[in-house]
N, C-alpha and C. Protein backbone atom coordinates (compact mmCIF):
# COMPACT_ATOMS: atom_id res chain seq x y z
N MET A 1 0.85 -1.17 0.00
CA MET A 1 0.00 0.00 0.00
C MET A 1 0.89 1.24 0.00
N PRO A 2 0.62 2.21 -0.89
CA PRO A 2 1.45 3.41 -0.94
C PRO A 2 1.27 4.27 0.30
N ASP A 3 2.31 5.01 0.61
CA ASP A 3 2.28 5.92 1.74
C ASP A 3 1.33 7.08 1.44
N PRO A 4 0.31 7.32 2.29
CA PRO A 4 -0.64 8.40 2.01
C PRO A 4 -0.10 9.79 2.33
N SER A 5 1.09 9.87 2.90
CA SER A 5 1.64 11.17 3.26
C SER A 5 1.99 11.98 2.02
N PRO A 6 1.73 13.28 2.08
CA PRO A 6 2.04 14.15 0.94
C PRO A 6 3.52 14.50 0.91
N PRO A 7 4.02 15.08 -0.19
CA PRO A 7 5.39 15.57 -0.20
C PRO A 7 5.56 16.63 0.90
N SER A 8 6.77 16.81 1.38
CA SER A 8 6.98 17.73 2.49
C SER A 8 7.15 19.19 2.06
N VAL A 9 7.31 19.44 0.77
CA VAL A 9 7.55 20.79 0.30
C VAL A 9 6.46 21.22 -0.67
N GLY A 10 6.09 22.50 -0.63
CA GLY A 10 5.13 23.04 -1.58
C GLY A 10 3.71 23.11 -1.04
N CYS A 11 2.81 23.57 -1.91
CA CYS A 11 1.41 23.74 -1.55
C CYS A 11 0.53 23.11 -2.62
N PHE A 12 -0.68 22.75 -2.23
CA PHE A 12 -1.66 22.26 -3.18
C PHE A 12 -2.09 23.41 -4.09
N VAL A 13 -2.36 23.10 -5.34
CA VAL A 13 -2.84 24.09 -6.28
C VAL A 13 -4.33 24.31 -6.03
N MET A 14 -4.71 25.57 -5.88
CA MET A 14 -6.10 25.91 -5.61
C MET A 14 -6.89 25.83 -6.93
N PRO A 15 -7.82 24.88 -7.07
CA PRO A 15 -8.60 24.78 -8.31
C PRO A 15 -9.48 26.02 -8.51
N ALA A 16 -9.77 26.34 -9.73
CA ALA A 16 -10.61 27.50 -10.05
C ALA A 16 -12.00 27.36 -9.44
N TRP A 17 -12.49 26.13 -9.29
CA TRP A 17 -13.84 25.89 -8.79
C TRP A 17 -13.91 25.78 -7.27
N TRP A 18 -12.83 25.96 -6.57
CA TRP A 18 -12.77 25.75 -5.11
C TRP A 18 -13.79 26.60 -4.36
N THR A 19 -14.06 27.80 -4.81
CA THR A 19 -14.98 28.69 -4.09
C THR A 19 -16.38 28.74 -4.71
N LYS A 20 -16.64 27.92 -5.71
CA LYS A 20 -17.96 27.91 -6.35
C LYS A 20 -18.97 27.19 -5.45
N PRO A 21 -20.10 27.84 -5.12
CA PRO A 21 -21.12 27.18 -4.29
C PRO A 21 -21.74 26.00 -5.05
N THR A 22 -21.59 24.82 -4.49
CA THR A 22 -21.98 23.60 -5.20
C THR A 22 -22.83 22.66 -4.37
N PHE A 23 -22.55 22.52 -3.10
CA PHE A 23 -23.13 21.46 -2.28
C PHE A 23 -24.20 21.98 -1.33
N ASN A 24 -25.25 21.18 -1.12
CA ASN A 24 -26.26 21.56 -0.14
C ASN A 24 -25.86 21.00 1.23
N LEU A 25 -26.56 21.41 2.25
CA LEU A 25 -26.22 21.03 3.63
C LEU A 25 -26.26 19.52 3.83
N SER A 26 -27.23 18.86 3.23
CA SER A 26 -27.35 17.41 3.36
C SER A 26 -26.13 16.70 2.78
N GLU A 27 -25.68 17.14 1.61
CA GLU A 27 -24.50 16.53 0.98
C GLU A 27 -23.26 16.74 1.84
N VAL A 28 -23.12 17.93 2.38
CA VAL A 28 -21.96 18.25 3.22
C VAL A 28 -21.96 17.38 4.47
N ALA A 29 -23.10 17.29 5.13
CA ALA A 29 -23.20 16.48 6.36
C ALA A 29 -22.91 15.01 6.07
N GLN A 30 -23.41 14.52 4.96
CA GLN A 30 -23.16 13.13 4.60
C GLN A 30 -21.67 12.90 4.35
N PHE A 31 -21.03 13.80 3.61
CA PHE A 31 -19.59 13.67 3.36
C PHE A 31 -18.80 13.67 4.66
N LEU A 32 -19.17 14.55 5.58
CA LEU A 32 -18.43 14.67 6.84
C LEU A 32 -18.75 13.55 7.82
N GLY A 33 -19.85 12.84 7.59
CA GLY A 33 -20.27 11.81 8.54
C GLY A 33 -20.73 12.44 9.85
N THR A 34 -21.34 13.61 9.73
CA THR A 34 -21.74 14.40 10.88
C THR A 34 -23.23 14.75 10.75
N PRO A 35 -23.99 14.72 11.84
CA PRO A 35 -25.41 15.07 11.73
C PRO A 35 -25.61 16.48 11.15
N ILE A 36 -26.67 16.63 10.38
CA ILE A 36 -26.99 17.93 9.78
C ILE A 36 -27.11 19.00 10.85
N SER A 37 -27.70 18.66 11.97
CA SER A 37 -27.89 19.65 13.04
C SER A 37 -26.54 20.16 13.57
N THR A 38 -25.56 19.29 13.63
CA THR A 38 -24.23 19.70 14.09
C THR A 38 -23.56 20.62 13.08
N VAL A 39 -23.60 20.24 11.81
CA VAL A 39 -23.00 21.07 10.76
C VAL A 39 -23.71 22.42 10.71
N SER A 40 -25.02 22.41 10.82
CA SER A 40 -25.80 23.65 10.81
C SER A 40 -25.40 24.54 11.98
N PHE A 41 -25.19 23.94 13.14
CA PHE A 41 -24.76 24.70 14.32
C PHE A 41 -23.40 25.34 14.09
N TRP A 42 -22.45 24.59 13.51
CA TRP A 42 -21.12 25.14 13.22
C TRP A 42 -21.24 26.32 12.25
N LEU A 43 -22.09 26.18 11.24
CA LEU A 43 -22.29 27.26 10.28
C LEU A 43 -22.91 28.49 10.94
N THR A 44 -23.82 28.26 11.87
CA THR A 44 -24.43 29.36 12.62
C THR A 44 -23.38 30.08 13.45
N LEU A 45 -22.49 29.34 14.08
CA LEU A 45 -21.41 29.95 14.86
C LEU A 45 -20.47 30.75 13.97
N ALA A 46 -20.17 30.22 12.79
CA ALA A 46 -19.29 30.92 11.86
C ALA A 46 -19.94 32.24 11.42
N ARG A 47 -21.22 32.18 11.10
CA ARG A 47 -21.92 33.40 10.67
C ARG A 47 -22.01 34.41 11.82
N ALA A 48 -22.22 33.92 13.04
CA ALA A 48 -22.29 34.80 14.20
C ALA A 48 -20.95 35.51 14.43
N ALA A 49 -19.87 34.86 14.00
CA ALA A 49 -18.53 35.45 14.13
C ALA A 49 -18.21 36.39 12.97
N GLY A 50 -19.16 36.57 12.07
CA GLY A 50 -18.96 37.49 10.96
C GLY A 50 -18.43 36.85 9.68
N MET A 51 -18.34 35.54 9.65
CA MET A 51 -17.87 34.85 8.45
C MET A 51 -19.01 34.76 7.44
N GLU A 52 -18.69 34.97 6.18
CA GLU A 52 -19.66 34.76 5.11
C GLU A 52 -19.51 33.31 4.65
N VAL A 53 -20.49 32.51 5.01
CA VAL A 53 -20.44 31.08 4.73
C VAL A 53 -21.64 30.69 3.90
N GLY A 54 -21.41 30.04 2.77
CA GLY A 54 -22.49 29.61 1.91
C GLY A 54 -22.99 30.72 1.01
N ASP A 55 -23.72 30.31 -0.01
CA ASP A 55 -24.31 31.24 -0.98
C ASP A 55 -25.81 31.03 -0.97
N GLN A 56 -26.55 32.06 -0.60
CA GLN A 56 -28.00 31.96 -0.48
C GLN A 56 -28.70 32.64 -1.63
N SER A 57 -28.11 32.60 -2.82
CA SER A 57 -28.71 33.30 -3.96
C SER A 57 -29.98 32.62 -4.46
N GLY A 58 -30.13 31.34 -4.26
CA GLY A 58 -31.34 30.63 -4.68
C GLY A 58 -32.22 30.37 -3.47
N ASN A 59 -33.11 29.40 -3.61
CA ASN A 59 -33.97 29.06 -2.48
C ASN A 59 -33.28 28.13 -1.49
N ARG A 60 -32.11 27.59 -1.86
CA ARG A 60 -31.33 26.74 -0.96
C ARG A 60 -29.92 27.30 -0.85
N THR A 61 -29.36 27.18 0.30
CA THR A 61 -27.98 27.61 0.49
C THR A 61 -27.05 26.55 -0.06
N ARG A 62 -26.05 27.00 -0.77
CA ARG A 62 -25.03 26.11 -1.34
C ARG A 62 -23.68 26.44 -0.73
N TYR A 63 -22.87 25.43 -0.55
CA TYR A 63 -21.55 25.58 0.06
C TYR A 63 -20.46 25.19 -0.91
N SER A 64 -19.36 25.89 -0.83
CA SER A 64 -18.21 25.62 -1.70
C SER A 64 -17.27 24.62 -1.04
N CYS A 65 -16.32 24.13 -1.81
CA CYS A 65 -15.28 23.27 -1.25
C CYS A 65 -14.50 24.02 -0.17
N HIS A 66 -14.36 25.31 -0.38
CA HIS A 66 -13.68 26.16 0.60
C HIS A 66 -14.39 26.09 1.95
N ASP A 67 -15.72 26.19 1.94
CA ASP A 67 -16.51 26.05 3.16
C ASP A 67 -16.37 24.65 3.74
N VAL A 68 -16.47 23.66 2.87
CA VAL A 68 -16.43 22.26 3.31
C VAL A 68 -15.07 21.92 3.92
N PHE A 69 -14.00 22.51 3.39
CA PHE A 69 -12.66 22.28 3.95
C PHE A 69 -12.62 22.71 5.42
N ALA A 70 -13.13 23.90 5.73
CA ALA A 70 -13.15 24.37 7.11
C ALA A 70 -13.99 23.44 7.99
N LEU A 71 -15.13 23.00 7.46
CA LEU A 71 -15.99 22.08 8.21
C LEU A 71 -15.33 20.72 8.40
N ALA A 72 -14.54 20.29 7.43
CA ALA A 72 -13.82 19.01 7.54
C ALA A 72 -12.80 19.07 8.67
N LEU A 73 -12.17 20.22 8.86
CA LEU A 73 -11.24 20.38 9.98
C LEU A 73 -11.97 20.17 11.30
N LEU A 74 -13.16 20.77 11.40
CA LEU A 74 -13.96 20.61 12.62
C LEU A 74 -14.42 19.17 12.80
N ALA A 75 -14.78 18.52 11.71
CA ALA A 75 -15.23 17.12 11.79
C ALA A 75 -14.12 16.21 12.32
N LYS A 76 -12.87 16.54 11.97
CA LYS A 76 -11.74 15.75 12.50
C LYS A 76 -11.65 15.88 14.01
N LEU A 77 -11.94 17.06 14.53
CA LEU A 77 -11.96 17.23 15.99
C LEU A 77 -13.13 16.48 16.60
N ARG A 78 -14.27 16.55 15.94
CA ARG A 78 -15.48 15.89 16.45
C ARG A 78 -15.28 14.39 16.62
N ILE A 79 -14.61 13.75 15.64
CA ILE A 79 -14.42 12.30 15.76
C ILE A 79 -13.44 11.95 16.88
N ARG A 80 -12.68 12.93 17.34
CA ARG A 80 -11.79 12.74 18.49
C ARG A 80 -12.50 13.11 19.79
N HIS A 81 -13.79 13.42 19.69
CA HIS A 81 -14.63 13.79 20.84
C HIS A 81 -14.15 15.07 21.51
N VAL A 82 -13.68 16.00 20.70
CA VAL A 82 -13.25 17.30 21.20
C VAL A 82 -14.43 18.25 21.18
N ARG A 83 -14.61 18.97 22.24
CA ARG A 83 -15.70 19.94 22.32
C ARG A 83 -15.39 21.11 21.38
N ILE A 84 -16.35 21.43 20.53
CA ILE A 84 -16.16 22.49 19.54
C ILE A 84 -16.99 23.69 19.94
N ASN A 85 -16.30 24.81 20.16
CA ASN A 85 -16.98 26.04 20.56
C ASN A 85 -16.85 27.09 19.46
N ALA A 86 -17.38 28.27 19.71
CA ALA A 86 -17.38 29.34 18.71
C ALA A 86 -15.96 29.73 18.30
N MET A 87 -15.04 29.77 19.24
CA MET A 87 -13.66 30.14 18.90
C MET A 87 -13.00 29.09 18.01
N THR A 88 -13.31 27.84 18.24
CA THR A 88 -12.75 26.76 17.42
C THR A 88 -13.30 26.86 16.00
N VAL A 89 -14.59 27.11 15.87
CA VAL A 89 -15.20 27.25 14.55
C VAL A 89 -14.57 28.43 13.82
N PHE A 90 -14.45 29.55 14.50
CA PHE A 90 -13.84 30.73 13.89
C PHE A 90 -12.41 30.42 13.45
N SER A 91 -11.67 29.75 14.29
CA SER A 91 -10.28 29.40 13.98
C SER A 91 -10.19 28.50 12.74
N ALA A 92 -11.11 27.57 12.60
CA ALA A 92 -11.10 26.66 11.44
C ALA A 92 -11.34 27.44 10.15
N PHE A 93 -12.29 28.36 10.17
CA PHE A 93 -12.58 29.15 8.97
C PHE A 93 -11.45 30.13 8.65
N VAL A 94 -10.82 30.68 9.67
CA VAL A 94 -9.66 31.55 9.44
C VAL A 94 -8.51 30.73 8.86
N PHE A 95 -8.27 29.56 9.41
CA PHE A 95 -7.20 28.69 8.89
C PHE A 95 -7.46 28.35 7.43
N ALA A 96 -8.72 28.10 7.09
CA ALA A 96 -9.08 27.76 5.71
C ALA A 96 -8.92 28.95 4.78
N GLY A 97 -8.74 30.13 5.36
CA GLY A 97 -8.53 31.32 4.55
C GLY A 97 -9.79 32.07 4.20
N LYS A 98 -10.77 32.07 5.08
CA LYS A 98 -11.98 32.83 4.83
C LYS A 98 -11.68 34.29 5.05
N PRO A 99 -12.09 35.18 4.17
CA PRO A 99 -12.93 34.95 3.01
C PRO A 99 -12.16 34.57 1.75
N ASP A 100 -10.86 34.76 1.74
CA ASP A 100 -10.07 34.45 0.55
C ASP A 100 -9.26 33.18 0.78
N PRO A 101 -9.49 32.16 -0.05
CA PRO A 101 -8.75 30.91 0.14
C PRO A 101 -7.26 31.10 -0.05
N ARG A 102 -6.52 30.33 0.69
CA ARG A 102 -5.07 30.35 0.53
C ARG A 102 -4.60 28.92 0.35
N PRO A 103 -3.46 28.76 -0.30
CA PRO A 103 -2.97 27.39 -0.52
C PRO A 103 -2.66 26.68 0.79
N VAL A 104 -2.86 25.39 0.80
CA VAL A 104 -2.54 24.56 1.96
C VAL A 104 -1.24 23.84 1.66
N ALA A 105 -0.33 23.90 2.59
CA ALA A 105 0.96 23.22 2.42
C ALA A 105 0.75 21.72 2.31
N HIS A 106 1.59 21.06 1.54
CA HIS A 106 1.48 19.61 1.37
C HIS A 106 1.53 18.87 2.70
N ASN A 107 2.20 19.44 3.67
CA ASN A 107 2.26 18.82 5.00
C ASN A 107 1.57 19.69 6.04
N GLY A 108 0.62 20.52 5.57
CA GLY A 108 -0.05 21.50 6.44
C GLY A 108 -0.84 20.87 7.57
N GLU A 109 -0.73 21.49 8.72
CA GLU A 109 -1.47 21.05 9.90
C GLU A 109 -2.11 22.25 10.57
N TRP A 110 -3.30 22.03 11.11
CA TRP A 110 -4.01 23.05 11.87
C TRP A 110 -3.82 22.69 13.32
N VAL A 111 -3.27 23.60 14.11
CA VAL A 111 -3.06 23.36 15.53
C VAL A 111 -4.11 24.14 16.30
N VAL A 112 -4.82 23.43 17.15
CA VAL A 112 -5.91 24.00 17.94
C VAL A 112 -5.53 23.89 19.42
N TYR A 113 -5.78 24.97 20.15
CA TYR A 113 -5.49 24.98 21.59
C TYR A 113 -6.79 24.97 22.36
N SER A 114 -6.90 24.07 23.31
CA SER A 114 -8.12 24.00 24.13
C SER A 114 -8.06 25.07 25.22
N GLU A 115 -9.15 25.20 25.93
CA GLU A 115 -9.24 26.20 26.99
C GLU A 115 -8.22 25.96 28.10
N ASP A 116 -7.81 24.69 28.28
CA ASP A 116 -6.84 24.40 29.33
C ASP A 116 -5.40 24.33 28.80
N GLY A 117 -5.19 24.81 27.57
CA GLY A 117 -3.84 24.91 27.03
C GLY A 117 -3.33 23.69 26.28
N VAL A 118 -4.12 22.65 26.21
CA VAL A 118 -3.71 21.45 25.49
C VAL A 118 -3.85 21.72 23.99
N ASN A 119 -2.88 21.27 23.21
CA ASN A 119 -3.01 21.48 21.77
C ASN A 119 -3.28 20.18 21.04
N LEU A 120 -4.05 20.30 19.98
CA LEU A 120 -4.38 19.17 19.11
C LEU A 120 -3.95 19.55 17.70
N THR A 121 -3.48 18.58 16.96
CA THR A 121 -3.07 18.83 15.59
C THR A 121 -3.99 18.07 14.65
N VAL A 122 -4.51 18.80 13.66
CA VAL A 122 -5.39 18.23 12.65
C VAL A 122 -4.63 18.24 11.32
N PRO A 123 -4.55 17.11 10.64
CA PRO A 123 -3.85 17.07 9.34
C PRO A 123 -4.67 17.80 8.27
N ALA A 124 -4.40 19.08 8.11
CA ALA A 124 -5.15 19.90 7.15
C ALA A 124 -4.98 19.38 5.73
N TRP A 125 -3.79 18.89 5.42
CA TRP A 125 -3.54 18.38 4.07
C TRP A 125 -4.47 17.22 3.76
N LEU A 126 -4.77 16.40 4.75
CA LEU A 126 -5.65 15.25 4.54
C LEU A 126 -7.09 15.71 4.31
N CYS A 127 -7.53 16.71 5.08
CA CYS A 127 -8.87 17.26 4.89
C CYS A 127 -9.00 17.88 3.51
N TRP A 128 -7.98 18.64 3.10
CA TRP A 128 -8.02 19.32 1.80
C TRP A 128 -8.11 18.30 0.66
N THR A 129 -7.27 17.28 0.71
CA THR A 129 -7.28 16.29 -0.38
C THR A 129 -8.59 15.49 -0.38
N ALA A 130 -9.15 15.23 0.79
CA ALA A 130 -10.42 14.50 0.86
C ALA A 130 -11.55 15.32 0.24
N VAL A 131 -11.58 16.61 0.54
CA VAL A 131 -12.63 17.47 -0.03
C VAL A 131 -12.47 17.54 -1.54
N ARG A 132 -11.26 17.70 -2.01
CA ARG A 132 -11.04 17.78 -3.47
C ARG A 132 -11.45 16.47 -4.15
N ALA A 133 -11.07 15.34 -3.58
CA ALA A 133 -11.42 14.04 -4.17
C ALA A 133 -12.93 13.84 -4.18
N TRP A 134 -13.59 14.20 -3.09
CA TRP A 134 -15.05 14.07 -3.00
C TRP A 134 -15.74 14.94 -4.04
N ALA A 135 -15.31 16.20 -4.15
CA ALA A 135 -15.93 17.12 -5.12
C ALA A 135 -15.74 16.61 -6.54
N THR A 136 -14.58 16.08 -6.84
CA THR A 136 -14.30 15.56 -8.17
C THR A 136 -15.17 14.34 -8.45
N LYS A 137 -15.32 13.48 -7.46
CA LYS A 137 -16.13 12.26 -7.62
C LYS A 137 -17.61 12.60 -7.78
N VAL A 138 -18.11 13.50 -6.94
CA VAL A 138 -19.54 13.84 -6.97
C VAL A 138 -19.92 14.58 -8.24
N HIS A 139 -19.06 15.47 -8.69
CA HIS A 139 -19.41 16.30 -9.84
C HIS A 139 -18.59 15.98 -11.08
N GLY A 140 -17.94 14.85 -11.09
CA GLY A 140 -17.27 14.36 -12.29
C GLY A 140 -16.07 15.17 -12.75
N THR A 141 -15.75 15.01 -14.00
CA THR A 141 -14.55 15.60 -14.55
C THR A 141 -14.62 17.11 -14.72
N ALA A 142 -15.79 17.70 -14.55
CA ALA A 142 -15.90 19.16 -14.65
C ALA A 142 -15.01 19.82 -13.62
N HIS A 143 -14.75 19.14 -12.50
CA HIS A 143 -13.91 19.68 -11.45
C HIS A 143 -12.49 19.12 -11.48
N ALA A 144 -12.23 18.21 -12.35
CA ALA A 144 -10.90 17.57 -12.34
C ALA A 144 -9.83 18.52 -12.80
């Protein structure tokens, strides 16, 4: 089995479609393996912090890969049973580069500090590649 680790130097190339609103809340929650109510709560916290999350131009809100990347970081904490508060949500969206996406290093990690000073490391590179692979699979070669 090949080593899933990325190269240690450089950044992922940001696809042109990365910020295009594409996915509905149900699709995002299913991808993350997280209840819709939890994802919705995280989005509410992000919006309360002043983040522009999702595109509400139609009758349904759509989310971009950029949004999903930040949510994927939070989902990694959730599966570790880490309590996610408003500051953590804000930190995830800032790390993802909201409002303007920024490249993620091939070995990029998001470091989160808990209220008691303990730090946790989330493999951001793994979240980024998972979101890109999912988007490509769901929407075919248009995103490749």
